Amino acid sequence: MSDITIQQTAGLYLKRLIQENYDSQEDFAYDFGTDIRTVSRYVNNGINKISTIQELADFFGVRFQDFFS
């Protein structure tokens, strides 16, 4: 059994937020102002920067802590 890192947990939460609020990762990438490759990396490999997680929390109107639960 493999362990999921904190970064991967944040990526999985982002994936859920995108699925709940957007038709595609590409639509989200456009609204967030980033590249689809970056969004794909966040979702598949996790989010490494705390500042990015805070930006995403602010963008979606959720708490920073929600990315880790």
N, C-alpha and C. Protein backbone atom coordinates (compact mmCIF):
# COMPACT_ATOMS: atom_id res chain seq x y z
N MET A 1 0.84 -1.18 0.00
CA MET A 1 0.00 0.00 0.00
C MET A 1 0.88 1.24 0.00
N SER A 2 0.62 2.17 -0.90
CA SER A 2 1.45 3.38 -0.95
C SER A 2 0.80 4.50 -0.14
N ASP A 3 1.65 5.30 0.46
CA ASP A 3 1.17 6.42 1.25
C ASP A 3 0.94 7.61 0.34
N ILE A 4 -0.10 8.35 0.65
CA ILE A 4 -0.39 9.57 -0.10
C ILE A 4 0.23 10.74 0.66
N THR A 5 0.99 11.56 -0.05
CA THR A 5 1.64 12.71 0.57
C THR A 5 0.64 13.85 0.77
N ILE A 6 1.03 14.80 1.57
CA ILE A 6 0.21 16.00 1.78
C ILE A 6 0.01 16.72 0.45
N GLN A 7 1.06 16.77 -0.36
CA GLN A 7 0.97 17.43 -1.66
C GLN A 7 -0.07 16.74 -2.55
N GLN A 8 -0.07 15.41 -2.52
CA GLN A 8 -1.02 14.66 -3.33
C GLN A 8 -2.45 14.84 -2.81
N THR A 9 -2.60 14.91 -1.49
CA THR A 9 -3.92 15.15 -0.90
C THR A 9 -4.47 16.49 -1.39
N ALA A 10 -3.62 17.51 -1.42
CA ALA A 10 -4.04 18.82 -1.92
C ALA A 10 -4.43 18.73 -3.40
N GLY A 11 -3.68 17.97 -4.18
CA GLY A 11 -4.00 17.80 -5.59
C GLY A 11 -5.32 17.10 -5.81
N LEU A 12 -5.61 16.11 -4.98
CA LEU A 12 -6.88 15.40 -5.09
C LEU A 12 -8.05 16.30 -4.72
N TYR A 13 -7.85 17.16 -3.73
CA TYR A 13 -8.91 18.11 -3.36
C TYR A 13 -9.13 19.11 -4.49
N LEU A 14 -8.06 19.57 -5.10
CA LEU A 14 -8.20 20.47 -6.25
C LEU A 14 -8.98 19.78 -7.36
N LYS A 15 -8.67 18.53 -7.62
CA LYS A 15 -9.39 17.78 -8.66
C LYS A 15 -10.89 17.78 -8.38
N ARG A 16 -11.25 17.54 -7.11
CA ARG A 16 -12.66 17.54 -6.73
C ARG A 16 -13.30 18.91 -6.93
N LEU A 17 -12.59 19.97 -6.53
CA LEU A 17 -13.12 21.32 -6.72
C LEU A 17 -13.35 21.63 -8.19
N ILE A 18 -12.41 21.22 -9.02
CA ILE A 18 -12.55 21.47 -10.46
C ILE A 18 -13.74 20.70 -11.01
N GLN A 19 -13.88 19.44 -10.63
CA GLN A 19 -15.00 18.63 -11.11
C GLN A 19 -16.34 19.21 -10.69
N GLU A 20 -16.41 19.79 -9.49
CA GLU A 20 -17.65 20.35 -8.97
C GLU A 20 -17.99 21.70 -9.59
N ASN A 21 -16.99 22.42 -10.09
CA ASN A 21 -17.21 23.80 -10.51
C ASN A 21 -16.95 24.09 -11.99
N TYR A 22 -16.34 23.15 -12.69
CA TYR A 22 -15.96 23.39 -14.08
C TYR A 22 -16.28 22.19 -14.96
N ASP A 23 -16.45 22.45 -16.23
CA ASP A 23 -16.66 21.37 -17.19
C ASP A 23 -15.37 20.63 -17.49
N SER A 24 -14.24 21.32 -17.35
CA SER A 24 -12.96 20.69 -17.67
C SER A 24 -11.83 21.38 -16.91
N GLN A 25 -10.70 20.68 -16.83
CA GLN A 25 -9.50 21.29 -16.25
C GLN A 25 -9.05 22.46 -17.10
N GLU A 26 -9.25 22.37 -18.37
CA GLU A 26 -8.85 23.46 -19.28
C GLU A 26 -9.64 24.74 -18.97
N ASP A 27 -10.95 24.60 -18.74
CA ASP A 27 -11.76 25.78 -18.39
C ASP A 27 -11.26 26.40 -17.09
N PHE A 28 -10.96 25.55 -16.11
CA PHE A 28 -10.42 26.07 -14.85
C PHE A 28 -9.09 26.77 -15.07
N ALA A 29 -8.20 26.15 -15.84
CA ALA A 29 -6.87 26.73 -16.09
C ALA A 29 -7.01 28.13 -16.67
N TYR A 30 -7.93 28.29 -17.61
CA TYR A 30 -8.15 29.60 -18.24
C TYR A 30 -8.60 30.62 -17.19
N ASP A 31 -9.58 30.26 -16.36
CA ASP A 31 -10.09 31.20 -15.35
C ASP A 31 -9.04 31.50 -14.28
N PHE A 32 -8.24 30.52 -13.92
CA PHE A 32 -7.23 30.71 -12.88
C PHE A 32 -5.99 31.43 -13.42
N GLY A 33 -5.88 31.47 -14.74
CA GLY A 33 -4.76 32.19 -15.35
C GLY A 33 -3.49 31.38 -15.43
N THR A 34 -3.62 30.09 -15.64
CA THR A 34 -2.45 29.24 -15.75
C THR A 34 -2.62 28.28 -16.92
N ASP A 35 -1.62 27.50 -17.14
CA ASP A 35 -1.58 26.56 -18.26
C ASP A 35 -2.22 25.23 -17.86
N ILE A 36 -2.85 24.57 -18.80
CA ILE A 36 -3.47 23.27 -18.54
C ILE A 36 -2.43 22.26 -18.05
N ARG A 37 -1.20 22.36 -18.52
CA ARG A 37 -0.15 21.44 -18.06
C ARG A 37 0.13 21.62 -16.58
N THR A 38 0.08 22.86 -16.12
CA THR A 38 0.29 23.14 -14.70
C THR A 38 -0.83 22.54 -13.87
N VAL A 39 -2.07 22.73 -14.30
CA VAL A 39 -3.22 22.17 -13.59
C VAL A 39 -3.12 20.65 -13.56
N SER A 40 -2.77 20.05 -14.67
CA SER A 40 -2.63 18.60 -14.75
C SER A 40 -1.56 18.11 -13.77
N ARG A 41 -0.47 18.84 -13.68
CA ARG A 41 0.61 18.48 -12.75
C ARG A 41 0.12 18.58 -11.30
N TYR A 42 -0.62 19.64 -10.98
CA TYR A 42 -1.16 19.78 -9.63
C TYR A 42 -2.07 18.60 -9.28
N VAL A 43 -2.96 18.25 -10.20
CA VAL A 43 -3.95 17.20 -9.95
C VAL A 43 -3.29 15.83 -9.87
N ASN A 44 -2.34 15.56 -10.75
CA ASN A 44 -1.75 14.23 -10.83
C ASN A 44 -0.57 14.01 -9.90
N ASN A 45 0.20 15.06 -9.63
CA ASN A 45 1.43 14.91 -8.84
C ASN A 45 1.38 15.62 -7.49
N GLY A 46 0.39 16.46 -7.30
CA GLY A 46 0.27 17.21 -6.06
C GLY A 46 0.72 18.65 -6.20
N ILE A 47 0.48 19.41 -5.15
CA ILE A 47 0.81 20.83 -5.12
C ILE A 47 1.90 21.03 -4.08
N ASN A 48 3.05 21.53 -4.52
CA ASN A 48 4.22 21.63 -3.64
C ASN A 48 4.33 22.95 -2.89
N LYS A 49 3.75 24.01 -3.41
CA LYS A 49 3.95 25.33 -2.81
C LYS A 49 2.75 25.74 -1.97
N ILE A 50 3.03 26.15 -0.75
CA ILE A 50 1.98 26.63 0.14
C ILE A 50 1.29 27.85 -0.46
N SER A 51 2.05 28.72 -1.09
CA SER A 51 1.46 29.92 -1.67
C SER A 51 0.46 29.57 -2.78
N THR A 52 0.73 28.52 -3.53
CA THR A 52 -0.20 28.09 -4.57
C THR A 52 -1.49 27.56 -3.95
N ILE A 53 -1.35 26.79 -2.88
CA ILE A 53 -2.55 26.27 -2.21
C ILE A 53 -3.38 27.42 -1.67
N GLN A 54 -2.73 28.45 -1.11
CA GLN A 54 -3.47 29.60 -0.61
C GLN A 54 -4.18 30.34 -1.75
N GLU A 55 -3.51 30.50 -2.88
CA GLU A 55 -4.14 31.14 -4.04
C GLU A 55 -5.36 30.36 -4.49
N LEU A 56 -5.24 29.04 -4.53
CA LEU A 56 -6.36 28.20 -4.95
C LEU A 56 -7.51 28.28 -3.93
N ALA A 57 -7.18 28.28 -2.65
CA ALA A 57 -8.22 28.40 -1.62
C ALA A 57 -8.96 29.72 -1.77
N ASP A 58 -8.24 30.79 -1.96
CA ASP A 58 -8.86 32.11 -2.17
C ASP A 58 -9.72 32.11 -3.43
N PHE A 59 -9.22 31.53 -4.49
CA PHE A 59 -9.94 31.49 -5.77
C PHE A 59 -11.27 30.76 -5.63
N PHE A 60 -11.26 29.62 -4.95
CA PHE A 60 -12.48 28.83 -4.81
C PHE A 60 -13.33 29.23 -3.61
N GLY A 61 -12.80 30.10 -2.76
CA GLY A 61 -13.55 30.53 -1.58
C GLY A 61 -13.67 29.44 -0.53
N VAL A 62 -12.60 28.66 -0.39
CA VAL A 62 -12.56 27.61 0.63
C VAL A 62 -11.41 27.90 1.59
N ARG A 63 -11.36 27.17 2.69
CA ARG A 63 -10.29 27.37 3.66
C ARG A 63 -9.02 26.65 3.20
N PHE A 64 -7.90 27.21 3.51
CA PHE A 64 -6.60 26.60 3.22
C PHE A 64 -6.55 25.18 3.77
N GLN A 65 -7.05 25.00 4.98
CA GLN A 65 -7.03 23.70 5.64
C GLN A 65 -7.83 22.64 4.89
N ASP A 66 -8.82 23.05 4.14
CA ASP A 66 -9.67 22.10 3.42
C ASP A 66 -8.86 21.25 2.44
N PHE A 67 -7.76 21.78 1.97
CA PHE A 67 -6.92 21.04 1.02
C PHE A 67 -6.23 19.83 1.65
N PHE A 68 -6.27 19.74 2.96
CA PHE A 68 -5.56 18.67 3.66
C PHE A 68 -6.47 17.73 4.43
N SER A 69 -7.77 17.86 4.19
CA SER A 69 -8.69 16.98 4.93
C SER A 69 -9.34 15.96 4.02
